[in-house]
C-alpha atoms as a PDB file:
ATOM      1  CA  MET A   1      -2.294  28.264   9.581  1.00  0.00           C
ATOM      2  CA  SER A   2      -3.468  26.046  12.429  1.00  0.00           C
ATOM      3  CA  GLU A   3      -0.977  24.359  14.761  1.00  0.00           C
ATOM      4  CA  LEU A   4      -0.631  20.683  13.851  1.00  0.00           C
ATOM      5  CA  ARG A   5       1.299  19.589  16.939  1.00  0.00           C
ATOM      6  CA  PRO A   6      -0.633  17.929  19.770  1.00  0.00           C
ATOM      7  CA  GLU A   7      -1.301  20.040  22.846  1.00  0.00           C
ATOM      8  CA  THR A   8       0.663  17.581  24.991  1.00  0.00           C
ATOM      9  CA  PRO A   9       3.820  15.655  24.057  1.00  0.00           C
ATOM     10  CA  ALA A  10       3.142  12.412  22.210  1.00  0.00           C
ATOM     11  CA  ARG A  11       3.565   9.295  24.320  1.00  0.00           C
ATOM     12  CA  ARG A  12       3.997   5.656  23.417  1.00  0.00           C
ATOM     13  CA  PRO A  13       0.720   3.778  23.930  1.00  0.00           C
ATOM     14  CA  GLU A  14       0.549   1.499  26.948  1.00  0.00           C
ATOM     15  CA  THR A  15       0.047  -1.495  24.644  1.00  0.00           C
ATOM     16  CA  ALA A  16       3.224  -0.826  22.626  1.00  0.00           C
ATOM     17  CA  ARG A  17       5.958  -3.442  22.779  1.00  0.00           C
ATOM     18  CA  PRO A  18       8.814  -2.154  24.963  1.00  0.00           C
ATOM     19  CA  ARG A  19      11.950  -1.014  23.215  1.00  0.00           C
ATOM     20  CA  GLU A  20      14.699  -3.639  23.183  1.00  0.00           C
ATOM     21  CA  ASP A  21      16.821  -1.773  25.713  1.00  0.00           C
ATOM     22  CA  ALA A  22      13.839  -1.135  27.963  1.00  0.00           C
ATOM     23  CA  GLU A  23      12.564  -4.686  28.245  1.00  0.00           C
ATOM     24  CA  PRO A  24      12.635  -6.054  31.780  1.00  0.00           C
ATOM     25  CA  GLU A  25      14.912  -8.893  32.765  1.00  0.00           C
ATOM     26  CA  VAL A  26      13.307 -12.310  32.517  1.00  0.00           C
ATOM     27  CA  ALA A  27      13.418 -14.438  35.646  1.00  0.00           C
ATOM     28  CA  PRO A  28      15.207 -17.773  35.182  1.00  0.00           C
ATOM     29  CA  PRO A  29      13.136 -20.952  35.247  1.00  0.00           C
ATOM     30  CA  SER A  30      11.820 -21.814  38.688  1.00  0.00           C
ATOM     31  CA  PRO A  31      12.489 -25.291  40.135  1.00  0.00           C
ATOM     32  CA  ASP A  32       9.002 -26.321  39.034  1.00  0.00           C
ATOM     33  CA  GLU A  33       9.639 -25.008  35.517  1.00  0.00           C
ATOM     34  CA  LEU A  34      12.939 -26.905  35.324  1.00  0.00           C
ATOM     35  CA  VAL A  35      11.079 -30.090  36.198  1.00  0.00           C
ATOM     36  CA  ALA A  36       8.438 -29.209  33.596  1.00  0.00           C
ATOM     37  CA  ILE A  37      11.187 -28.831  30.981  1.00  0.00           C
ATOM     38  CA  LEU A  38      12.689 -32.185  31.977  1.00  0.00           C
ATOM     39  CA  ARG A  39       9.296 -33.895  31.831  1.00  0.00           C
ATOM     40  CA  HIS A  40       8.675 -32.283  28.436  1.00  0.00           C
ATOM     41  CA  LEU A  41      12.098 -33.370  27.165  1.00  0.00           C
ATOM     42  CA  ALA A  42      11.484 -36.953  28.265  1.00  0.00           C
ATOM     43  CA  SER A  43       8.079 -37.022  26.584  1.00  0.00           C
ATOM     44  CA  LEU A  44       9.082 -35.721  23.121  1.00  0.00           C
ATOM     45  CA  PRO A  45       9.001 -39.262  21.602  1.00  0.00           C
ATOM     46  CA  VAL A  46       5.198 -39.226  21.991  1.00  0.00           C
ATOM     47  CA  HIS A  47       5.136 -37.076  18.829  1.00  0.00           C
ATOM     48  CA  ALA A  48       6.711 -40.031  17.016  1.00  0.00           C
ATOM     49  CA  GLY A  49       4.182 -42.531  18.356  1.00  0.00           C
ATOM     50  CA  ALA A  50       5.683 -43.503  21.725  1.00  0.00           C
ATOM     51  CA  THR A  51       3.714 -43.783  24.962  1.00  0.00           C
ATOM     52  CA  ILE A  52       4.756 -42.305  28.315  1.00  0.00           C
ATOM     53  CA  THR A  53       3.549 -43.592  31.669  1.00  0.00           C
ATOM     54  CA  ASP A  54       4.324 -42.361  35.168  1.00  0.00           C
ATOM     55  CA  ASP A  55       4.866 -45.534  37.235  1.00  0.00           C
ATOM     56  CA  PRO A  56       4.745 -44.629  40.953  1.00  0.00           C
ATOM     57  CA  ARG A  57       5.738 -48.154  41.953  1.00  0.00           C
ATOM     58  CA  LEU A  58       8.980 -48.000  39.978  1.00  0.00           C
ATOM     59  CA  GLY A  59       9.466 -44.296  40.664  1.00  0.00           C
ATOM     60  CA  VAL A  60      10.094 -43.369  37.019  1.00  0.00           C
ATOM     61  CA  HIS A  61       8.389 -42.321  33.823  1.00  0.00           C
ATOM     62  CA  LEU A  62       8.422 -45.134  31.253  1.00  0.00           C
ATOM     63  CA  ILE A  63       8.794 -44.180  27.585  1.00  0.00           C
ATOM     64  CA  ARG A  64       8.043 -46.988  25.168  1.00  0.00           C
ATOM     65  CA  HIS A  65       8.090 -47.077  21.383  1.00  0.00           C
ATOM     66  CA  ASP A  66       8.180 -50.501  19.798  1.00  0.00           C
ATOM     67  CA  GLY A  67      11.021 -50.880  17.316  1.00  0.00           C
ATOM     68  CA  ALA A  68      12.614 -47.515  18.109  1.00  0.00           C
ATOM     69  CA  GLY A  69      15.602 -48.833  20.087  1.00  0.00           C
ATOM     70  CA  PRO A  70      17.091 -47.130  23.169  1.00  0.00           C
ATOM     71  CA  ALA A  71      16.363 -43.616  21.832  1.00  0.00           C
ATOM     72  CA  GLY A  72      12.631 -44.327  22.056  1.00  0.00           C
ATOM     73  CA  ASN A  73      12.538 -46.814  24.950  1.00  0.00           C
ATOM     74  CA  TYR A  74      13.878 -45.599  28.271  1.00  0.00           C
ATOM     75  CA  ALA A  75      13.063 -44.668  31.832  1.00  0.00           C
ATOM     76  CA  ALA A  76      13.262 -41.049  32.967  1.00  0.00           C
ATOM     77  CA  LEU A  77      12.657 -38.722  35.933  1.00  0.00           C
ATOM     78  CA  PRO A  78      13.795 -41.225  38.602  1.00  0.00           C
ATOM     79  CA  ARG A  79      12.558 -40.373  42.101  1.00  0.00           C
ATOM     80  CA  TRP A  80      14.649 -42.773  44.151  1.00  0.00           C
ATOM     81  CA  THR A  81      16.086 -42.572  47.653  1.00  0.00           C
ATOM     82  CA  PRO A  82      19.856 -42.736  48.280  1.00  0.00           C
ATOM     83  CA  GLN A  83      19.306 -45.937  50.262  1.00  0.00           C
ATOM     84  CA  ALA A  84      17.122 -47.849  47.778  1.00  0.00           C
ATOM     85  CA  TRP A  85      18.109 -46.631  44.313  1.00  0.00           C
ATOM     86  CA  ARG A  86      19.948 -49.871  43.483  1.00  0.00           C
ATOM     87  CA  GLN A  87      16.822 -51.926  44.153  1.00  0.00           C
ATOM     88  CA  SER A  88      14.660 -49.496  42.154  1.00  0.00           C
ATOM     89  CA  LEU A  89      17.108 -49.610  39.257  1.00  0.00           C
ATOM     90  CA  ALA A  90      17.076 -53.412  39.301  1.00  0.00           C
ATOM     91  CA  GLN A  91      13.282 -53.401  38.972  1.00  0.00           C
ATOM     92  CA  VAL A  92      13.466 -51.074  35.968  1.00  0.00           C
ATOM     93  CA  VAL A  93      16.138 -53.239  34.351  1.00  0.00           C
ATOM     94  CA  GLN A  94      14.018 -56.326  34.891  1.00  0.00           C
ATOM     95  CA  LEU A  95      11.038 -54.647  33.225  1.00  0.00           C
ATOM     96  CA  TYR A  96      12.976 -53.600  30.125  1.00  0.00           C
ATOM     97  CA  ARG A  97      14.551 -57.042  29.835  1.00  0.00           C
ATOM     98  CA  ARG A  98      11.043 -58.486  29.889  1.00  0.00           C
ATOM     99  CA  TRP A  99      10.103 -56.125  27.074  1.00  0.00           C
ATOM    100  CA  GLY A 100      13.138 -57.291  25.109  1.00  0.00           C
ATOM    101  CA  THR A 101      14.702 -53.822  25.165  1.00  0.00           C
ATOM    102  CA  TRP A 102      18.135 -52.739  26.356  1.00  0.00           C
ATOM    103  CA  PRO A 103      17.785 -51.034  29.764  1.00  0.00           C
ATOM    104  CA  THR A 104      18.224 -47.287  29.257  1.00  0.00           C
ATOM    105  CA  LEU A 105      17.889 -44.410  31.704  1.00  0.00           C
ATOM    106  CA  LEU A 106      17.738 -40.666  31.011  1.00  0.00           C
ATOM    107  CA  VAL A 107      19.390 -38.789  33.882  1.00  0.00           C
ATOM    108  CA  ALA A 108      19.355 -35.001  34.356  1.00  0.00           C
ATOM    109  CA  ASP A 109      22.046 -33.240  36.383  1.00  0.00           C
ATOM    110  CA  ARG A 110      20.856 -31.747  39.676  1.00  0.00           C
ATOM    111  CA  LEU A 111      17.201 -32.626  39.023  1.00  0.00           C
ATOM    112  CA  ASP A 112      16.819 -36.392  39.252  1.00  0.00           C
ATOM    113  CA  ARG A 113      17.000 -38.308  42.512  1.00  0.00           C
ATOM    114  CA  PRO A 114      19.257 -39.255  44.071  1.00  0.00           C
ATOM    115  CA  ILE A 115      21.611 -36.391  43.198  1.00  0.00           C
ATOM    116  CA  GLY A 116      24.743 -37.773  41.536  1.00  0.00           C
ATOM    117  CA  LEU A 117      22.898 -40.721  40.014  1.00  0.00           C
ATOM    118  CA  GLY A 118      24.837 -40.466  36.753  1.00  0.00           C
ATOM    119  CA  SER A 119      28.184 -40.907  38.478  1.00  0.00           C
ATOM    120  CA  ALA A 120      26.774 -43.773  40.536  1.00  0.00           C
ATOM    121  CA  LEU A 121      25.589 -45.524  37.361  1.00  0.00           C
ATOM    122  CA  GLU A 122      29.048 -45.220  35.821  1.00  0.00           C
ATOM    123  CA  ARG A 123      30.599 -46.795  38.906  1.00  0.00           C
ATOM    124  CA  ILE A 124      28.482 -49.928  38.450  1.00  0.00           C
ATOM    125  CA  GLY A 125      29.241 -50.221  34.724  1.00  0.00           C
ATOM    126  CA  TRP A 126      26.533 -48.201  32.999  1.00  0.00           C
ATOM    127  CA  ARG A 127      27.742 -46.064  30.097  1.00  0.00           C
ATOM    128  CA  ALA A 128      26.671 -42.582  29.000  1.00  0.00           C
ATOM    129  CA  VAL A 129      26.124 -42.869  25.252  1.00  0.00           C
ATOM    130  CA  HIS A 130      24.665 -39.414  24.655  1.00  0.00           C
ATOM    131  CA  ARG A 131      25.026 -36.093  26.476  1.00  0.00           C
ATOM    132  CA  GLU A 132      23.252 -32.791  25.879  1.00  0.00           C
ATOM    133  CA  THR A 133      22.621 -29.490  27.619  1.00  0.00           C
ATOM    134  CA  VAL A 134      19.181 -27.899  27.851  1.00  0.00           C
ATOM    135  CA  LEU A 135      19.123 -24.149  27.166  1.00  0.00           C
ATOM    136  CA  TRP A 136      16.275 -21.771  27.956  1.00  0.00           C
ATOM    137  CA  VAL A 137      15.138 -18.321  26.900  1.00  0.00           C
ATOM    138  CA  GLY A 138      12.335 -16.057  28.060  1.00  0.00           C
ATOM    139  CA  ARG A 139      12.483 -13.381  25.371  1.00  0.00           C
ATOM    140  CA  ALA A 140      12.935 -13.654  21.624  1.00  0.00           C
ATOM    141  CA  THR A 141      15.441 -11.499  19.782  1.00  0.00           C
ATOM    142  CA  VAL A 142      14.508  -9.035  17.053  1.00  0.00           C
ATOM    143  CA  ILE A 143      13.939 -10.657  13.676  1.00  0.00           C
ATOM    144  CA  PRO A 144      16.142  -9.151  10.935  1.00  0.00           C
ATOM    145  CA  HIS A 145      14.917  -8.183   7.495  1.00  0.00           C
ATOM    146  CA  LEU A 146      13.486 -11.147   5.645  1.00  0.00           C
ATOM    147  CA  ASP A 147      14.620 -12.077   2.160  1.00  0.00           C
ATOM    148  CA  PRO A 148      11.572 -11.410  -0.056  1.00  0.00           C
ATOM    149  CA  ALA A 149      12.253 -14.731  -1.821  1.00  0.00           C
ATOM    150  CA  MET A 150      11.950 -16.602   1.472  1.00  0.00           C
ATOM    151  CA  ARG A 151       8.833 -17.703   3.301  1.00  0.00           C
ATOM    152  CA  ILE A 152       8.220 -19.715   6.444  1.00  0.00           C
ATOM    153  CA  GLU A 153       5.264 -22.100   6.468  1.00  0.00           C
ATOM    154  CA  ALA A 154       3.470 -23.818   9.320  1.00  0.00           C
ATOM    155  CA  VAL A 155       3.235 -27.443   8.227  1.00  0.00           C
ATOM    156  CA  GLN A 156      -0.246 -28.517   7.141  1.00  0.00           C
ATOM    157  CA  PRO A 157      -1.381 -32.013   6.065  1.00  0.00           C
ATOM    158  CA  ARG A 158      -0.402 -31.278   2.470  1.00  0.00           C
ATOM    159  CA  SER A 159       3.176 -30.392   3.465  1.00  0.00           C
ATOM    160  CA  VAL A 160       3.856 -33.235   5.924  1.00  0.00           C
ATOM    161  CA  GLU A 161       5.679 -35.187   3.224  1.00  0.00           C
ATOM    162  CA  THR A 162       7.926 -32.222   2.402  1.00  0.00           C
ATOM    163  CA  HIS A 163       8.796 -31.613   6.049  1.00  0.00           C
ATOM    164  CA  GLU A 164       9.574 -35.282   6.664  1.00  0.00           C
ATOM    165  CA  ALA A 165      11.779 -35.555   3.577  1.00  0.00           C
ATOM    166  CA  VAL A 166      13.817 -32.445   4.450  1.00  0.00           C
ATOM    167  CA  GLU A 167      14.145 -33.467   8.096  1.00  0.00           C
ATOM    168  CA  ARG A 168      15.245 -36.969   7.064  1.00  0.00           C
ATOM    169  CA  GLU A 169      17.890 -35.527   4.713  1.00  0.00           C
ATOM    170  CA  ILE A 170      19.251 -33.087   7.298  1.00  0.00           C
ATOM    171  CA  PHE A 171      19.549 -35.633  10.101  1.00  0.00           C
ATOM    172  CA  GLY A 172      20.508 -38.647   7.979  1.00  0.00           C
ATOM    173  CA  LEU A 173      17.514 -40.776   8.952  1.00  0.00           C
ATOM    174  CA  PRO A 174      16.825 -44.068   7.121  1.00  0.00           C
ATOM    175  CA  GLU A 175      14.345 -43.912   4.260  1.00  0.00           C
ATOM    176  CA  VAL A 176      12.653 -47.114   5.417  1.00  0.00           C
ATOM    177  CA  GLU A 177      11.243 -45.172   8.377  1.00  0.00           C
ATOM    178  CA  ALA A 178       9.657 -42.476   6.187  1.00  0.00           C
ATOM    179  CA  PRO A 179       6.071 -43.825   6.049  1.00  0.00           C
ATOM    180  CA  ALA A 180       5.874 -44.296   9.823  1.00  0.00           C
ATOM    181  CA  ARG A 181       7.471 -40.882  10.438  1.00  0.00           C
ATOM    182  CA  ARG A 182       4.972 -39.147   8.127  1.00  0.00           C
ATOM    183  CA  ALA A 183       2.039 -40.866   9.821  1.00  0.00           C
ATOM    184  CA  ALA A 184       3.323 -39.962  13.294  1.00  0.00           C
ATOM    185  CA  LEU A 185       3.939 -36.335  12.311  1.00  0.00           C
ATOM    186  CA  ALA A 186       0.464 -35.981  10.804  1.00  0.00           C
ATOM    187  CA  ALA A 187      -1.103 -37.495  13.929  1.00  0.00           C
ATOM    188  CA  ALA A 188       0.907 -35.243  16.267  1.00  0.00           C
ATOM    189  CA  LEU A 189      -0.053 -32.115  14.315  1.00  0.00           C
ATOM    190  CA  ALA A 190      -3.708 -33.123  14.335  1.00  0.00           C
ATOM    191  CA  ALA A 191      -3.583 -33.745  18.105  1.00  0.00           C
ATOM    192  CA  GLY A 192      -2.525 -30.122  18.618  1.00  0.00           C
ATOM    193  CA  GLY A 193       0.517 -30.565  20.855  1.00  0.00           C
ATOM    194  CA  LEU A 194       3.022 -30.087  18.041  1.00  0.00           C
ATOM    195  CA  ARG A 195       3.657 -27.449  15.400  1.00  0.00           C
ATOM    196  CA  ALA A 196       6.174 -27.819  12.571  1.00  0.00           C
ATOM    197  CA  PHE A 197       7.748 -25.315  10.199  1.00  0.00           C
ATOM    198  CA  VAL A 198       9.369 -25.343   6.767  1.00  0.00           C
ATOM    199  CA  VAL A 199      11.521 -22.532   5.366  1.00  0.00           C
ATOM    200  CA  ARG A 200      11.370 -22.118   1.589  1.00  0.00           C
ATOM    201  CA  LEU A 201      13.714 -20.051  -0.553  1.00  0.00           C
ATOM    202  CA  HIS A 202      12.533 -19.548  -4.141  1.00  0.00           C
ATOM    203  CA  ASP A 203      10.026 -22.359  -3.343  1.00  0.00           C
ATOM    204  CA  GLU A 204      12.862 -24.745  -2.427  1.00  0.00           C
ATOM    205  CA  PRO A 205      12.482 -26.210   1.101  1.00  0.00           C
ATOM    206  CA  ILE A 206      15.754 -25.499   2.900  1.00  0.00           C
ATOM    207  CA  ALA A 207      15.131 -25.784   6.659  1.00  0.00           C
ATOM    208  CA  VAL A 208      12.729 -27.296   9.183  1.00  0.00           C
ATOM    209  CA  ALA A 209      11.917 -27.135  12.881  1.00  0.00           C
ATOM    210  CA  ARG A 210       9.410 -28.514  15.379  1.00  0.00           C
ATOM    211  CA  LEU A 211       7.761 -26.782  18.345  1.00  0.00           C
ATOM    212  CA  SER A 212       6.202 -28.898  21.096  1.00  0.00           C
ATOM    213  CA  SER A 213       3.860 -27.526  23.784  1.00  0.00           C
ATOM    214  CA  GLY A 214       4.430 -28.648  27.360  1.00  0.00           C
ATOM    215  CA  ALA A 215       3.148 -27.659  30.794  1.00  0.00           C
ATOM    216  CA  GLY A 216       3.882 -23.933  30.700  1.00  0.00           C
ATOM    217  CA  VAL A 217       7.014 -24.440  28.586  1.00  0.00           C
ATOM    218  CA  ALA A 218       7.574 -24.952  24.859  1.00  0.00           C
ATOM    219  CA  GLY A 219      10.367 -27.042  23.366  1.00  0.00           C
ATOM    220  CA  ILE A 220      12.150 -26.561  20.046  1.00  0.00           C
ATOM    221  CA  TYR A 221      13.658 -29.636  18.418  1.00  0.00           C
ATOM    222  CA  GLY A 222      14.390 -31.073  14.994  1.00  0.00           C
ATOM    223  CA  LEU A 223      15.732 -27.696  13.841  1.00  0.00           C
ATOM    224  CA  GLY A 224      18.105 -27.991  10.913  1.00  0.00           C
ATOM    225  CA  VAL A 225      19.193 -26.489   7.595  1.00  0.00           C
ATOM    226  CA  ARG A 226      20.069 -28.400   4.427  1.00  0.00           C
ATOM    227  CA  GLU A 227      23.771 -28.459   3.623  1.00  0.00           C
ATOM    228  CA  PRO A 228      23.871 -25.993   0.666  1.00  0.00           C
ATOM    229  CA  TRP A 229      22.208 -23.284   2.780  1.00  0.00           C
ATOM    230  CA  ARG A 230      24.055 -23.656   6.069  1.00  0.00           C
ATOM    231  CA  ARG A 231      26.105 -20.867   7.675  1.00  0.00           C
ATOM    232  CA  GLN A 232      23.957 -18.199   6.005  1.00  0.00           C
ATOM    233  CA  GLY A 233      21.780 -17.288   8.980  1.00  0.00           C
ATOM    234  CA  TYR A 234      18.690 -19.322   8.113  1.00  0.00           C
ATOM    235  CA  GLY A 235      18.966 -21.524  11.204  1.00  0.00           C
ATOM    236  CA  THR A 236      19.312 -18.468  13.448  1.00  0.00           C
ATOM    237  CA  LEU A 237      16.322 -16.832  11.808  1.00  0.00           C
ATOM    238  CA  LEU A 238      14.211 -19.977  12.101  1.00  0.00           C
ATOM    239  CA  ALA A 239      15.137 -20.425  15.771  1.00  0.00           C
ATOM    240  CA  THR A 240      14.068 -16.831  16.448  1.00  0.00           C
ATOM    241  CA  ILE A 241      10.730 -17.214  14.710  1.00  0.00           C
ATOM    242  CA  VAL A 242       9.950 -20.546  16.362  1.00  0.00           C
ATOM    243  CA  THR A 243      10.865 -19.046  19.751  1.00  0.00           C
ATOM    244  CA  ARG A 244       8.380 -16.239  19.113  1.00  0.00           C
ATOM    245  CA  ALA A 245       5.765 -18.808  18.119  1.00  0.00           C
ATOM    246  CA  GLY A 246       6.325 -20.607  21.410  1.00  0.00           C
ATOM    247  CA  MET A 247       5.836 -17.428  23.398  1.00  0.00           C
ATOM    248  CA  ALA A 248       2.864 -16.329  21.292  1.00  0.00           C
ATOM    249  CA  THR A 249       1.080 -19.529  22.319  1.00  0.00           C
ATOM    250  CA  GLY A 250       1.306 -18.613  26.000  1.00  0.00           C
ATOM    251  CA  HIS A 251       4.558 -20.180  27.212  1.00  0.00           C
ATOM    252  CA  ARG A 252       6.839 -18.165  29.509  1.00  0.00           C
ATOM    253  CA  ILE A 253       9.898 -20.314  28.801  1.00  0.00           C
ATOM    254  CA  VAL A 254      11.112 -21.788  25.514  1.00  0.00           C
ATOM    255  CA  TRP A 255      13.809 -24.450  25.697  1.00  0.00           C
ATOM    256  CA  LEU A 256      15.934 -26.603  23.425  1.00  0.00           C
ATOM    257  CA  SER A 257      18.644 -29.202  23.910  1.00  0.00           C
ATOM    258  CA  VAL A 258      22.121 -29.118  22.339  1.00  0.00           C
ATOM    259  CA  GLU A 259      24.747 -31.842  22.128  1.00  0.00           C
ATOM    260  CA  GLU A 260      27.648 -31.082  24.462  1.00  0.00           C
ATOM    261  CA  GLU A 261      30.265 -30.999  21.713  1.00  0.00           C
ATOM    262  CA  ASN A 262      28.279 -28.732  19.353  1.00  0.00           C
ATOM    263  CA  GLU A 263      30.043 -25.481  20.202  1.00  0.00           C
ATOM    264  CA  ALA A 264      28.832 -23.705  17.058  1.00  0.00           C
ATOM    265  CA  ALA A 265      25.204 -24.265  18.015  1.00  0.00           C
ATOM    266  CA  ARG A 266      25.891 -23.178  21.593  1.00  0.00           C
ATOM    267  CA  ARG A 267      27.388 -19.888  20.342  1.00  0.00           C
ATOM    268  CA  THR A 268      24.423 -19.307  18.049  1.00  0.00           C
ATOM    269  CA  TYR A 269      21.871 -19.887  20.782  1.00  0.00           C
ATOM    270  CA  ALA A 270      23.853 -17.750  23.229  1.00  0.00           C
ATOM    271  CA  ARG A 271      23.553 -14.849  20.781  1.00  0.00           C
ATOM    272  CA  LEU A 272      19.796 -15.436  20.790  1.00  0.00           C
ATOM    273  CA  GLY A 273      19.672 -15.142  24.568  1.00  0.00           C
ATOM    274  CA  PHE A 274      19.500 -18.840  25.499  1.00  0.00           C
ATOM    275  CA  ALA A 275      21.119 -19.737  28.831  1.00  0.00           C
ATOM    276  CA  GLU A 276      22.027 -23.093  30.361  1.00  0.00           C
ATOM    277  CA  ALA A 277      19.344 -24.835  32.402  1.00  0.00           C
ATOM    278  CA  PHE A 278      20.729 -28.322  33.071  1.00  0.00           C
ATOM    279  CA  GLY A 279      22.631 -31.154  31.435  1.00  0.00           C
ATOM    280  CA  TRP A 280      21.378 -34.659  30.831  1.00  0.00           C
ATOM    281  CA  ALA A 281      22.680 -37.962  29.581  1.00  0.00           C
ATOM    282  CA  ARG A 282      21.258 -41.234  28.317  1.00  0.00           C
ATOM    283  CA  TYR A 283      22.830 -44.221  30.059  1.00  0.00           C
ATOM    284  CA  LEU A 284      22.827 -47.789  28.768  1.00  0.00           C
ATOM    285  CA  GLY A 285      22.785 -50.635  31.259  1.00  0.00           C
ATOM    286  CA  THR A 286      25.335 -53.393  31.478  1.00  0.00           C
ATOM    287  CA  PRO A 287      24.723 -56.771  29.789  1.00  0.00           C
ATOM    288  CA  GLU A 288      23.798 -59.685  31.998  1.00  0.00           C
END
């Protein structure tokens, strides 16, 4: 009987994915990548119909979305000097007053200029109304066995309405905004900078997420699970799959942002390998 073993020991092909314990360490985001994440974070409202403009004269990016309130109308990425930041801030405030919008500034720890701007704003009466921490990951975890009754769909035009309805339910958004949200989502998907996902279990939509492409980085947001299916691992699974989708489309870093007080989410993302990148806050200006 002929010998069936190969003449030389079998080796893993060069193209094989490294074993989990053999994968190399992933370098943390570089300073340029941190700035890319911040710029991407600030620009996410464009998927909802906002515009973003870099204004060199004012030294900020201007995000504007008529009717969206402070969450969709703010200045970001300030590049001000320690000597002249008060004058620059006054110009931004004047602009937003002229637009009839409450002056709002997104400030990132350690990245925006001047350093310590958030504390300086608080000293002159501005108030931080929202704080989050950006987390990053450079390698997706292994996906566990999938329930055969579950499937994950990339949102297509025919499923925009389903995605919007589930997202609106999860995050408690007003129904009056539904038509505009559906139109903005369809436009963003068609433009190619956004992908969206729906998880179905026995054909019932139970979870959603969005994946936005930035300059070398991809951002996950709008990830949530409907109440009856929470704490069963679906959010963790969806985060893993969307992370892999971000990396499969050529991005070295995938990031997301978590509210400071959401310890459960922080623990979940830590288990998936996400590490802290920087914190940020949205500050509202003082009334005249």
